[in-house]
C-alpha cells in the first residue's frame, strides 16, 4: 500500500496573519511557520494504518518553498518514509487551480493507492482541493470524513450530515479528506527525529511535472487589489445621567438598528 499524505506549511494559527500589500500573498514571515494541524492529522491516519501493515509506504507531499523543508521533516520524524516537495519560485501565490494541477501531477508521478488530505487548511480555508485533485486523477473522493477504515482494496469512512451521519465507501485508488474530529497526531520521538535526518526529500520543479505556471490557456485567479482591514474604532459610550434609555434609543435609530 502506498499512501500519499498532503500537508502544508502555514503561519502559526495563534500568530499574526498579514498579507503583503504589494503582492496580495500571505506574509509568512509575520509569524512562525508550522505544519498545518489538519495535515498532521491526515498523516496520523496513514501512520495508524502502517502500524499494523508494515509493508505500507507513506509519502508526505507538499507544494512549498525551499525554506519549508525543516517543517516538512517533522512529518518524517513522525514516521513518513519520504517527502516530495514541489518548490518553485514561479508557484508563489498560486491559486487553487494551479495548486491542484501541480499536486495532481506530482501524485501521478509518485504513484499511489490512497491520497489523504485535510478538509481545509488553516490559512486559505478553500475546502475544495481534495475534490479537485480527485477529479484530475479520475478517482473517487470521500470528503469530510470523521472516521476512516482502510483495507487492501477499499477505504470506508463516516461523514457527518445535518440529519445524522452516513457511511461511504470507495474502491482504491481513491482520495479522502478528513476533519478535525479525527485523532490528533502523535508526537515525534527521539528515534524518529534521528531517523528523519536520513530519510529522502525529493524536490521537484514545475518543469519536472511538465506544467507551465504562465499558461493562459487555463484560467487563473488574479488578485486585483488588497488592503488592510481598518482598525476598529472606539464604540459609543453612554453615560447614564438619567437619560441613558433615550440615548440608547437615539443610537439605535441613528444606526438603523431599530
Protein backbone atom coordinates (compact mmCIF):
# COMPACT_ATOMS: atom_id res chain seq x y z
CA UNK A 1 0.00 0.00 0.00
CA UNK A 2 1.33 3.42 -0.97
CA UNK A 3 -0.31 6.35 0.78
CA UNK A 4 0.35 9.94 -0.24
CA UNK A 5 -0.42 12.45 2.51
CA UNK A 6 -0.89 16.09 1.52
CA UNK A 7 0.43 18.62 4.03
CA UNK A 8 1.09 22.32 4.07
CA UNK A 9 3.37 24.77 5.84
CA UNK A 10 1.18 27.54 7.26
CA UNK A 11 1.58 30.55 9.56
CA UNK A 12 1.05 29.60 13.20
CA UNK A 13 -2.68 29.57 13.92
CA UNK A 14 -2.13 31.64 17.05
CA UNK A 15 0.27 34.10 15.43
CA UNK A 16 -0.29 37.25 13.40
CA UNK A 17 -1.82 36.89 9.94
CA UNK A 18 -0.82 39.52 7.39
CA UNK A 19 -0.91 39.99 3.64
CA UNK A 20 1.86 41.54 1.59
CA UNK A 21 0.14 44.68 0.31
CA UNK A 22 2.27 44.68 -2.85
CA UNK A 23 1.52 41.13 -3.98
CA UNK A 24 -1.59 40.11 -2.03
CA UNK A 25 0.26 36.98 -0.89
CA UNK A 26 0.37 35.93 2.75
CA UNK A 27 3.36 37.37 4.60
CA UNK A 28 4.79 34.16 6.01
CA UNK A 29 7.49 35.99 7.93
CA UNK A 30 4.86 37.62 10.17
CA UNK A 31 4.62 34.54 12.41
CA UNK A 32 6.23 31.16 12.97
CA UNK A 33 5.78 28.62 10.17
CA UNK A 34 4.33 25.26 11.23
CA UNK A 35 2.95 22.09 9.69
CA UNK A 36 -0.80 22.54 9.38
CA UNK A 37 -2.59 20.65 12.14
CA UNK A 38 -5.10 19.06 9.75
CA UNK A 39 -2.13 17.84 7.68
CA UNK A 40 -0.67 16.25 10.81
CA UNK A 41 -4.00 14.52 11.47
CA UNK A 42 -4.01 13.28 7.86
CA UNK A 43 -0.55 11.83 8.41
CA UNK A 44 -1.79 10.15 11.59
CA UNK A 45 -4.47 8.35 9.54
CA UNK A 46 -1.75 6.87 7.32
CA UNK A 47 0.59 6.09 10.23
CA UNK A 48 -2.16 4.31 12.18
CA UNK A 49 -2.74 2.03 9.20
CA UNK A 50 1.00 1.48 8.74
CA UNK A 51 1.35 0.47 12.42
CA UNK A 52 -0.43 -2.79 11.61
CA UNK A 53 0.63 -3.08 7.97
CA UNK A 54 4.46 -2.90 7.82
CA UNK A 55 4.55 -3.04 4.02
CA UNK A 56 2.89 0.41 3.83
CA UNK A 57 4.87 3.24 2.23
CA UNK A 58 3.89 6.76 3.30
CA UNK A 59 4.91 9.77 1.22
CA UNK A 60 4.39 13.26 2.65
CA UNK A 61 3.79 15.66 -0.22
CA UNK A 62 3.68 19.45 -0.21
CA UNK A 63 3.84 22.38 -2.59
CA UNK A 64 6.03 24.68 -0.53
CA UNK A 65 9.07 26.94 -0.88
CA UNK A 66 12.54 25.51 -0.31
CA UNK A 67 12.61 27.11 3.14
CA UNK A 68 9.80 24.76 4.26
CA UNK A 69 11.98 21.65 4.28
CA UNK A 70 12.67 21.75 8.07
CA UNK A 71 8.91 21.99 8.70
CA UNK A 72 8.19 19.05 6.41
CA UNK A 73 10.87 16.97 8.10
CA UNK A 74 8.63 16.90 11.16
CA UNK A 75 6.45 14.54 9.13
CA UNK A 76 9.47 12.30 8.59
CA UNK A 77 10.15 12.34 12.32
CA UNK A 78 6.55 11.30 12.95
CA UNK A 79 7.00 8.27 10.68
CA UNK A 80 6.59 9.15 6.99
CA UNK A 81 9.07 7.32 4.75
CA UNK A 82 9.85 10.22 2.43
CA UNK A 83 8.91 13.74 1.40
CA UNK A 84 8.09 15.04 -2.07
CA UNK A 85 8.40 18.82 -2.05
CA UNK A 86 7.37 20.88 -5.07
CA UNK A 87 9.47 24.01 -4.61
CA UNK A 88 9.48 26.54 -7.41
CA UNK A 89 9.54 30.33 -7.15
CA UNK A 90 7.13 30.52 -10.08
CA UNK A 91 4.45 28.99 -7.85
CA UNK A 92 4.47 31.81 -5.31
CA UNK A 93 0.88 32.95 -4.79
CA UNK A 94 -0.55 30.08 -6.86
CA UNK A 95 -4.34 29.86 -6.86
CA UNK A 96 -6.32 26.70 -6.10
CA UNK A 97 -6.48 25.56 -9.71
CA UNK A 98 -2.73 25.83 -10.31
CA UNK A 99 -2.05 24.20 -6.93
CA UNK A 100 -4.38 21.36 -7.88
CA UNK A 101 -2.65 20.85 -11.23
CA UNK A 102 0.77 20.74 -9.58
CA UNK A 103 -0.18 18.35 -6.77
CA UNK A 104 -2.14 16.04 -9.07
CA UNK A 105 0.82 15.82 -11.44
CA UNK A 106 3.19 15.09 -8.55
CA UNK A 107 0.86 12.43 -7.13
CA UNK A 108 0.53 10.80 -10.54
CA UNK A 109 4.33 10.85 -10.92
CA UNK A 110 4.85 9.31 -7.49
CA UNK A 111 2.14 6.66 -7.81
CA UNK A 112 -0.45 5.99 -5.11
CA UNK A 113 -3.13 3.71 -3.75
CA UNK A 114 -4.65 6.31 -1.43
CA UNK A 115 -4.33 10.07 -1.05
CA UNK A 116 -5.15 11.54 2.37
CA UNK A 117 -5.72 15.27 2.89
CA UNK A 118 -7.35 17.60 5.35
CA UNK A 119 -10.74 19.05 4.51
CA UNK A 120 -9.35 22.61 4.53
CA UNK A 121 -6.15 24.39 5.52
CA UNK A 122 -5.99 26.90 8.34
CA UNK A 123 -4.61 29.67 6.12
CA UNK A 124 -6.56 29.52 2.86
CA UNK A 125 -9.61 27.55 4.06
CA UNK A 126 -10.60 26.77 0.46
CA UNK A 127 -12.03 23.35 1.23
CA UNK A 128 -12.14 22.19 -2.42
CA UNK A 129 -8.60 20.98 -3.14
CA UNK A 130 -9.10 17.25 -2.38
CA UNK A 131 -12.13 17.06 -4.67
CA UNK A 132 -10.35 18.92 -7.46
CA UNK A 133 -7.34 16.60 -7.19
CA UNK A 134 -9.59 13.52 -7.33
CA UNK A 135 -11.20 14.92 -10.49
CA UNK A 136 -7.83 15.33 -12.23
CA UNK A 137 -6.67 11.89 -11.07
CA UNK A 138 -10.02 10.38 -12.16
CA UNK A 139 -10.54 8.54 -8.87
CA UNK A 140 -13.32 8.59 -6.24
CA UNK A 141 -13.34 11.22 -3.48
CA UNK A 142 -14.67 10.62 0.04
CA UNK A 143 -14.73 14.03 1.66
CA UNK A 144 -15.05 15.40 5.20
CA UNK A 145 -14.66 12.07 6.98
CA UNK A 146 -14.78 11.90 10.77
CA UNK A 147 -13.55 8.27 10.87
CA UNK A 148 -11.63 6.12 8.40
CA UNK A 149 -11.08 2.41 7.86
CA UNK A 150 -8.58 1.30 5.20
CA UNK A 151 -8.37 -2.18 3.69
CA UNK A 152 -6.29 -3.66 0.90
CA UNK A 153 -8.93 -2.91 -1.73
CA UNK A 154 -11.12 -0.12 -0.38
CA UNK A 155 -11.49 2.76 2.06
CA UNK A 156 -14.57 3.40 4.20
CA UNK A 157 -15.45 6.40 6.32
CA UNK A 158 -18.19 8.21 8.18
CA UNK A 159 -19.32 11.64 7.06
CA UNK A 160 -21.38 13.79 9.41
CA UNK A 161 -24.52 15.38 7.97
CA UNK A 162 -27.16 17.77 9.31
CA UNK A 163 -29.63 14.95 9.91
CA UNK A 164 -27.14 12.37 11.20
CA UNK A 165 -24.24 10.56 9.59
CA UNK A 166 -23.57 8.44 6.53
CA UNK A 167 -21.10 5.65 5.84
CA UNK A 168 -19.36 5.92 2.47
CA UNK A 169 -17.02 3.50 0.69
CA UNK A 170 -14.80 3.65 -2.37
CA UNK A 171 -12.51 1.17 -4.06
CA UNK A 172 -8.82 2.04 -4.24
CA UNK A 173 -7.19 4.05 -5.66
CA UNK A 174 -9.06 6.96 -4.09
CA UNK A 175 -8.73 10.36 -2.41
CA UNK A 176 -10.11 11.10 1.06
CA UNK A 177 -10.27 14.24 3.15
CA UNK A 178 -10.67 14.25 6.92
CA UNK A 179 -11.99 16.67 9.51
CA UNK A 180 -10.63 17.71 12.90
CA UNK A 181 -12.77 15.00 14.51
CA UNK A 182 -10.01 12.56 13.58
CA UNK A 183 -7.43 11.81 16.31
CA UNK A 184 -4.63 14.30 16.93
CA UNK A 185 -1.22 13.43 15.53
CA UNK A 186 1.43 11.59 17.53
CA UNK A 187 4.50 13.44 18.76
CA UNK A 188 7.84 12.63 17.12
CA UNK A 189 10.08 10.67 19.48
CA UNK A 190 13.85 10.85 19.68
CA UNK A 191 14.32 7.78 17.50
CA UNK A 192 12.03 9.27 14.84
CA UNK A 193 13.80 12.63 14.94
CA UNK A 194 17.19 10.98 14.39
CA UNK A 195 15.85 8.72 11.63
CA UNK A 196 14.31 11.72 9.84
CA UNK A 197 17.76 13.12 9.13
CA UNK A 198 18.49 10.19 6.81
CA UNK A 199 15.13 9.95 5.07
CA UNK A 200 14.89 11.27 1.49
CA UNK A 201 13.39 14.62 0.49
CA UNK A 202 12.75 14.77 -3.26
CA UNK A 203 12.47 18.33 -4.52
CA UNK A 204 10.63 18.93 -7.78
CA UNK A 205 10.04 21.96 -10.00
CA UNK A 206 7.15 22.65 -12.37
CA UNK A 207 9.46 21.67 -15.23
CA UNK A 208 9.78 18.19 -13.72
CA UNK A 209 5.98 17.96 -13.78
CA UNK A 210 5.52 19.38 -17.26
CA UNK A 211 3.45 22.35 -16.06
CA UNK A 212 3.74 25.94 -17.24
CA UNK A 213 2.52 28.30 -14.47
CA UNK A 214 2.15 31.09 -17.03
CA UNK A 215 -0.04 29.08 -19.40
CA UNK A 216 -3.02 31.34 -20.08
CA UNK A 217 -4.96 28.54 -21.76
CA UNK A 218 -6.12 27.63 -18.27
CA UNK A 219 -7.99 30.29 -16.32
CA UNK A 220 -6.09 31.63 -13.30
CA UNK A 221 -7.36 33.68 -10.39
CA UNK A 222 -5.90 37.18 -10.37
CA UNK A 223 -5.58 39.45 -7.33
CA UNK A 224 -6.72 42.91 -8.42
CA UNK A 225 -6.47 44.76 -5.11
CA UNK A 226 -5.62 44.22 -1.47
CA UNK A 227 -5.89 46.42 1.60
CA UNK A 228 -5.50 46.11 5.33
CA UNK A 229 -8.63 45.86 7.41
CA UNK A 230 -9.44 49.17 9.04
CA UNK A 231 -8.62 49.40 12.71
CA UNK A 232 -11.63 49.02 14.93
CA UNK A 233 -12.91 52.41 16.02
CA UNK A 234 -13.88 53.13 19.59
CA UNK A 235 -17.53 52.45 20.32
CA UNK A 236 -20.10 54.94 21.53
CA UNK A 237 -20.05 55.27 25.28
CA UNK A 238 -23.30 56.08 27.02
CA UNK A 239 -23.08 57.64 30.47
CA UNK A 240 -26.23 57.29 32.47
CA UNK A 241 -27.25 60.64 33.86
CA UNK A 242 -30.89 59.77 33.96
CA UNK A 243 -31.32 59.77 30.18
CA UNK A 244 -29.44 56.57 29.22
CA UNK A 245 -32.58 54.99 27.76
CA UNK A 246 -33.16 57.97 25.49
CA UNK A 247 -29.50 57.98 24.40
CA UNK A 248 -29.64 54.27 23.61
CA UNK A 249 -32.86 54.67 21.63
CA UNK A 250 -31.36 57.54 19.63
CA UNK A 251 -28.22 55.49 18.93
CA UNK A 252 -30.25 52.53 17.64
CA UNK A 253 -32.41 54.73 15.44
CA UNK A 254 -29.45 56.67 14.00
CA UNK A 255 -27.72 53.38 13.07
CA UNK A 256 -30.93 51.90 11.65
CA UNK A 257 -30.92 49.17 14.26
CA UNK A 258 -34.42 49.87 15.48
